[in-house]
Amino acid sequence: MTGAALLSACTSAAGSTGSSSAAQSSTLQEVVKRGTLNVASCLTFPPFGSTSKANKPQGFDVDVATAMATALGVKVKIVDTTSANRIPNLQTKKVDAVVCNFTTTAERAKQVSFSDPYIVAGEVMLVKKSSGISTLKDLTGKTVAVTKGSTNGDAVKAGNPQAKIQEYDTSSAAVLAVRQGQADAMVEDSNFLNYQAKLDPSLKVTKDSVVPLEYNGIGLPLGDATWIQWVDTWLREFNTSGQADALYKKWFGVSRSFPLNPSY
């Protein structure tokens, strides 16, 4: 055997062994072998996640996780989590994936991997249909409800310095302020507000985001290329088949406000 042939054979064998080893150690193979997909979801943030009267997980994110498990041919186990525990749950292998309103950022990507986007959020306004408010320009002299600790108040002021900002402890309290006429508008996550408008026909959601759009992906263990590739491939099928749009309309009551493809 020539030196070149020997090198080629060794390289091929090494590559084959490495690929096989990587495949065997991938979360994908572990999930299939286990027969259960463990997914962390936030069950205190409807309609993304909550519990039913029968104390079973439900919500948009829960349905996404269930569809993912179905495509794998396994059962799904939903693990209730908080925003703060999403990354630790992946790092300790408590879960195989996180489907929990998880915005992709470069800082988070140092610790976990992200799939392609499956839902997009903007910060928009919730107003009464009779308010006549549709853009930031319409907020002159108006009271805008925001939650304490968010940056939405600053974003509104940057767009219209003549708007009056009123802070509330929770998003629910801010929504109630709009319903009761204590505030003229509320600024919050577009998907959350679509849900609020679904619950109350007297309310509507404005179209334009007051801040750059946020793209939410499925959180995955860092560096597992095989698992990431499968999830991204499945997501493409999930999104193009119409299944994702149907689930969005089921939970939020309207079609998607913003496209999944990033636009700069």
Protein backbone atom coordinates (compact mmCIF):
# COMPACT_ATOMS: atom_id res chain seq x y z
CA MET A 1 0.00 0.00 0.00
CA THR A 2 1.37 3.42 -0.93
CA GLY A 3 1.89 6.14 1.63
CA ALA A 4 -0.97 8.17 0.14
CA ALA A 5 -3.28 5.15 0.17
CA LEU A 6 -2.28 4.32 3.75
CA LEU A 7 -2.93 7.91 4.84
CA SER A 8 -6.29 7.87 3.07
CA ALA A 9 -7.27 4.60 4.73
CA CYS A 10 -6.21 5.85 8.17
CA THR A 11 -8.03 9.13 7.67
CA SER A 12 -11.19 7.35 6.52
CA ALA A 13 -11.08 4.94 9.44
CA ALA A 14 -10.45 7.71 11.95
CA GLY A 15 -13.22 9.82 10.47
CA SER A 16 -15.62 6.90 10.54
CA THR A 17 -14.79 6.09 14.16
CA GLY A 18 -15.11 9.72 15.21
CA SER A 19 -18.44 10.11 13.43
CA SER A 20 -19.81 6.92 14.94
CA SER A 21 -18.68 7.95 18.40
CA ALA A 22 -20.24 11.38 18.02
CA ALA A 23 -23.51 9.87 16.82
CA GLN A 24 -23.64 7.41 19.71
CA SER A 25 -23.03 10.15 22.27
CA SER A 26 -25.57 12.55 20.77
CA THR A 27 -28.69 13.54 22.66
CA LEU A 28 -30.63 12.41 19.59
CA GLN A 29 -29.64 8.78 20.08
CA GLU A 30 -30.11 9.02 23.85
CA VAL A 31 -33.67 10.31 23.45
CA VAL A 32 -34.63 7.64 20.93
CA LYS A 33 -33.14 4.88 23.09
CA ARG A 34 -34.80 6.24 26.25
CA GLY A 35 -38.15 6.61 24.50
CA THR A 36 -38.81 9.95 26.20
CA LEU A 37 -37.97 13.54 25.29
CA ASN A 38 -37.41 15.66 28.40
CA VAL A 39 -38.31 19.29 27.74
CA ALA A 40 -38.17 22.28 30.10
CA SER A 41 -41.10 24.68 29.70
CA CYS A 42 -42.27 27.61 31.80
CA LEU A 43 -45.73 26.67 33.07
CA THR A 44 -46.50 30.04 34.67
CA PHE A 45 -46.57 32.10 31.47
CA PRO A 46 -49.80 31.45 29.52
CA PRO A 47 -50.40 30.89 26.72
CA PHE A 48 -46.83 29.66 26.24
CA GLY A 49 -47.12 27.36 29.24
CA SER A 50 -49.55 26.70 32.08
CA THR A 51 -51.36 23.83 33.78
CA SER A 52 -54.89 22.72 33.04
CA LYS A 53 -57.64 22.11 35.59
CA ALA A 54 -56.51 18.49 35.52
CA ASN A 55 -53.01 19.72 36.45
CA LYS A 56 -51.52 18.77 33.08
CA PRO A 57 -49.06 20.96 31.14
CA GLN A 58 -50.60 22.96 28.31
CA GLY A 59 -49.75 25.88 26.06
CA PHE A 60 -48.07 26.82 22.80
CA ASP A 61 -44.58 25.80 23.93
CA VAL A 62 -45.95 22.54 25.34
CA ASP A 63 -47.59 21.75 22.00
CA VAL A 64 -44.32 22.52 20.17
CA ALA A 65 -42.47 20.11 22.49
CA THR A 66 -45.15 17.46 21.98
CA ALA A 67 -44.94 17.79 18.19
CA MET A 68 -41.17 17.43 18.41
CA ALA A 69 -41.51 14.22 20.45
CA THR A 70 -44.08 12.85 18.00
CA ALA A 71 -41.66 13.38 15.12
CA LEU A 72 -39.04 11.43 17.08
CA GLY A 73 -41.49 8.64 17.82
CA VAL A 74 -41.13 9.05 21.59
CA LYS A 75 -43.16 10.35 24.52
CA VAL A 76 -42.68 13.85 25.92
CA LYS A 77 -42.02 14.73 29.55
CA ILE A 78 -42.55 18.39 30.40
CA VAL A 79 -40.33 19.69 33.22
CA ASP A 80 -41.63 22.93 34.76
CA THR A 81 -38.88 25.53 34.90
CA THR A 82 -38.23 29.23 35.40
CA SER A 83 -36.41 31.67 33.16
CA ALA A 84 -33.39 31.57 35.50
CA ASN A 85 -33.19 27.75 35.40
CA ARG A 86 -33.37 27.27 31.65
CA ILE A 87 -29.60 27.18 31.12
CA PRO A 88 -28.75 25.14 34.27
CA ASN A 89 -31.36 22.53 33.26
CA LEU A 90 -29.47 21.97 30.00
CA GLN A 91 -26.00 22.09 31.52
CA THR A 92 -26.88 19.45 34.14
CA LYS A 93 -28.66 17.29 31.52
CA LYS A 94 -31.91 17.47 33.45
CA VAL A 95 -33.57 18.09 30.09
CA ASP A 96 -32.77 17.48 26.43
CA ALA A 97 -34.21 20.78 25.24
CA VAL A 98 -35.74 24.01 26.49
CA VAL A 99 -38.93 25.29 24.86
CA CYS A 100 -39.73 28.29 27.04
CA ASN A 101 -39.94 31.67 25.30
CA PHE A 102 -36.12 31.54 25.06
CA THR A 103 -34.74 34.57 23.19
CA THR A 104 -31.49 33.86 21.35
CA THR A 105 -28.59 36.11 22.35
CA ALA A 106 -24.85 35.96 21.80
CA GLU A 107 -24.26 35.98 25.55
CA ARG A 108 -26.51 32.97 26.15
CA ALA A 109 -24.95 31.17 23.18
CA LYS A 110 -21.70 30.98 25.18
CA GLN A 111 -23.44 28.46 27.45
CA VAL A 112 -26.08 26.74 25.32
CA SER A 113 -26.89 26.17 21.66
CA PHE A 114 -30.00 27.49 19.95
CA SER A 115 -32.11 26.09 17.15
CA ASP A 116 -33.43 28.21 14.33
CA PRO A 117 -36.29 30.52 15.44
CA TYR A 118 -39.73 29.00 15.99
CA ILE A 119 -41.47 32.17 17.20
CA VAL A 120 -40.75 35.90 16.95
CA ALA A 121 -41.66 38.63 19.41
CA GLY A 122 -41.86 42.38 19.17
CA GLU A 123 -42.77 44.90 21.85
CA VAL A 124 -46.10 46.32 20.76
CA MET A 125 -49.04 48.18 22.30
CA LEU A 126 -52.27 46.85 23.75
CA VAL A 127 -55.03 49.44 23.52
CA LYS A 128 -58.82 49.65 23.48
CA LYS A 129 -60.26 49.40 19.98
CA SER A 130 -61.98 52.74 20.53
CA SER A 131 -58.74 54.53 21.56
CA GLY A 132 -57.61 55.67 18.12
CA ILE A 133 -54.03 54.71 19.08
CA SER A 134 -51.98 52.87 16.47
CA THR A 135 -48.44 54.30 16.63
CA LEU A 136 -46.08 55.93 19.12
CA LYS A 137 -47.03 59.34 17.71
CA ASP A 138 -50.55 58.80 19.04
CA LEU A 139 -49.26 58.56 22.63
CA THR A 140 -48.71 62.30 23.11
CA GLY A 141 -50.20 63.16 26.49
CA LYS A 142 -51.32 59.54 26.95
CA THR A 143 -50.51 57.22 29.85
CA VAL A 144 -48.58 54.08 28.92
CA ALA A 145 -48.44 51.09 31.28
CA VAL A 146 -45.18 49.11 31.49
CA THR A 147 -43.85 46.53 33.94
CA LYS A 148 -41.20 47.51 36.46
CA GLY A 149 -37.70 46.45 35.45
CA SER A 150 -38.45 46.39 31.72
CA THR A 151 -36.89 48.72 29.17
CA ASN A 152 -40.21 49.38 27.45
CA GLY A 153 -40.73 52.73 29.17
CA ASP A 154 -37.41 54.00 27.84
CA ALA A 155 -38.29 52.77 24.35
CA VAL A 156 -41.62 54.61 24.43
CA LYS A 157 -39.96 57.83 25.68
CA ALA A 158 -37.36 57.60 22.93
CA GLY A 159 -40.13 57.37 20.35
CA ASN A 160 -42.42 59.96 21.95
CA PRO A 161 -41.03 62.08 24.82
CA GLN A 162 -44.52 63.45 25.51
CA ALA A 163 -45.93 60.09 26.56
CA LYS A 164 -46.53 59.49 30.29
CA ILE A 165 -45.05 56.27 31.69
CA GLN A 166 -46.76 54.39 34.52
CA GLU A 167 -45.00 51.33 36.00
CA TYR A 168 -46.79 48.26 37.35
CA ASP A 169 -45.48 45.28 39.29
CA THR A 170 -46.81 42.67 36.85
CA SER A 171 -47.93 42.39 33.25
CA SER A 172 -51.38 41.34 34.46
CA ALA A 173 -51.72 44.56 36.47
CA ALA A 174 -50.72 46.62 33.44
CA VAL A 175 -53.29 44.85 31.26
CA LEU A 176 -55.95 45.52 33.91
CA ALA A 177 -55.01 49.22 33.90
CA VAL A 178 -55.79 49.42 30.19
CA ARG A 179 -59.07 47.52 30.64
CA GLN A 180 -60.17 49.84 33.44
CA GLY A 181 -59.10 53.02 31.67
CA GLN A 182 -56.29 53.85 34.10
CA ALA A 183 -53.83 53.66 31.19
CA ASP A 184 -54.33 54.36 27.51
CA ALA A 185 -51.90 51.71 26.31
CA MET A 186 -49.57 48.97 27.50
CA VAL A 187 -46.28 47.91 25.91
CA GLU A 188 -45.28 44.25 26.19
CA ASP A 189 -44.33 41.08 24.28
CA SER A 190 -46.46 40.90 21.10
CA ASN A 191 -47.36 37.23 21.55
CA PHE A 192 -48.47 37.79 25.14
CA LEU A 193 -50.60 40.76 24.08
CA ASN A 194 -52.16 38.84 21.18
CA TYR A 195 -53.36 36.38 23.81
CA GLN A 196 -54.77 39.18 25.97
CA ALA A 197 -56.68 40.59 22.99
CA LYS A 198 -58.04 37.10 22.30
CA LEU A 199 -59.43 37.01 25.84
CA ASP A 200 -60.98 40.49 25.62
CA PRO A 201 -62.63 41.51 22.31
CA SER A 202 -62.64 45.18 23.37
CA LEU A 203 -58.85 45.28 23.07
CA LYS A 204 -56.53 45.28 20.08
CA VAL A 205 -52.79 44.98 19.44
CA THR A 206 -50.90 47.52 17.32
CA LYS A 207 -48.76 46.34 14.42
CA ASP A 208 -45.34 47.99 14.73
CA SER A 209 -42.73 46.93 17.29
CA VAL A 210 -41.25 49.76 19.38
CA VAL A 211 -37.94 47.84 19.69
CA PRO A 212 -35.99 45.44 17.43
CA LEU A 213 -37.63 42.03 17.07
CA GLU A 214 -36.58 39.14 19.32
CA TYR A 215 -36.15 35.65 17.89
CA ASN A 216 -36.90 32.71 20.18
CA GLY A 217 -35.27 29.34 19.58
CA ILE A 218 -35.21 25.94 21.23
CA GLY A 219 -32.39 25.75 23.76
CA LEU A 220 -30.09 22.74 23.29
CA PRO A 221 -26.92 21.37 24.93
CA LEU A 222 -23.80 23.20 23.81
CA GLY A 223 -21.78 21.52 21.06
CA ASP A 224 -24.08 18.61 20.15
CA ALA A 225 -24.05 19.08 16.37
CA THR A 226 -26.06 15.95 15.60
CA TRP A 227 -28.90 16.98 17.91
CA ILE A 228 -28.89 20.58 16.67
CA GLN A 229 -29.03 19.43 13.04
CA TRP A 230 -32.01 17.17 13.71
CA VAL A 231 -33.95 19.87 15.59
CA ASP A 232 -33.32 22.47 12.87
CA THR A 233 -34.37 20.02 10.15
CA TRP A 234 -37.53 19.12 12.05
CA LEU A 235 -38.32 22.80 12.70
CA ARG A 236 -38.13 23.53 8.97
CA GLU A 237 -40.69 20.80 8.31
CA PHE A 238 -42.79 21.91 11.30
CA ASN A 239 -42.88 25.52 10.08
CA THR A 240 -43.36 24.90 6.35
CA SER A 241 -46.09 22.28 6.83
CA GLY A 242 -48.46 24.79 8.38
CA GLN A 243 -48.52 22.94 11.70
CA ALA A 244 -46.69 25.74 13.52
CA ASP A 245 -49.05 28.41 12.17
CA ALA A 246 -52.08 26.35 13.20
CA LEU A 247 -50.77 26.04 16.76
CA TYR A 248 -50.03 29.76 16.93
CA LYS A 249 -53.58 30.62 15.88
CA LYS A 250 -54.95 28.06 18.36
CA TRP A 251 -53.23 29.71 21.33
CA PHE A 252 -52.97 33.37 20.32
CA GLY A 253 -56.17 33.77 18.30
CA VAL A 254 -54.52 35.48 15.30
CA SER A 255 -51.97 34.72 12.59
CA ARG A 256 -48.31 35.45 13.33
CA SER A 257 -47.52 39.15 13.62
CA PHE A 258 -43.93 38.86 12.43
CA PRO A 259 -42.15 36.47 10.00
CA LEU A 260 -39.72 33.86 11.27
CA ASN A 261 -36.97 34.93 8.89
CA PRO A 262 -34.75 37.67 10.38
CA SER A 263 -34.97 41.01 8.59
CA TYR A 264 -32.26 43.60 9.19
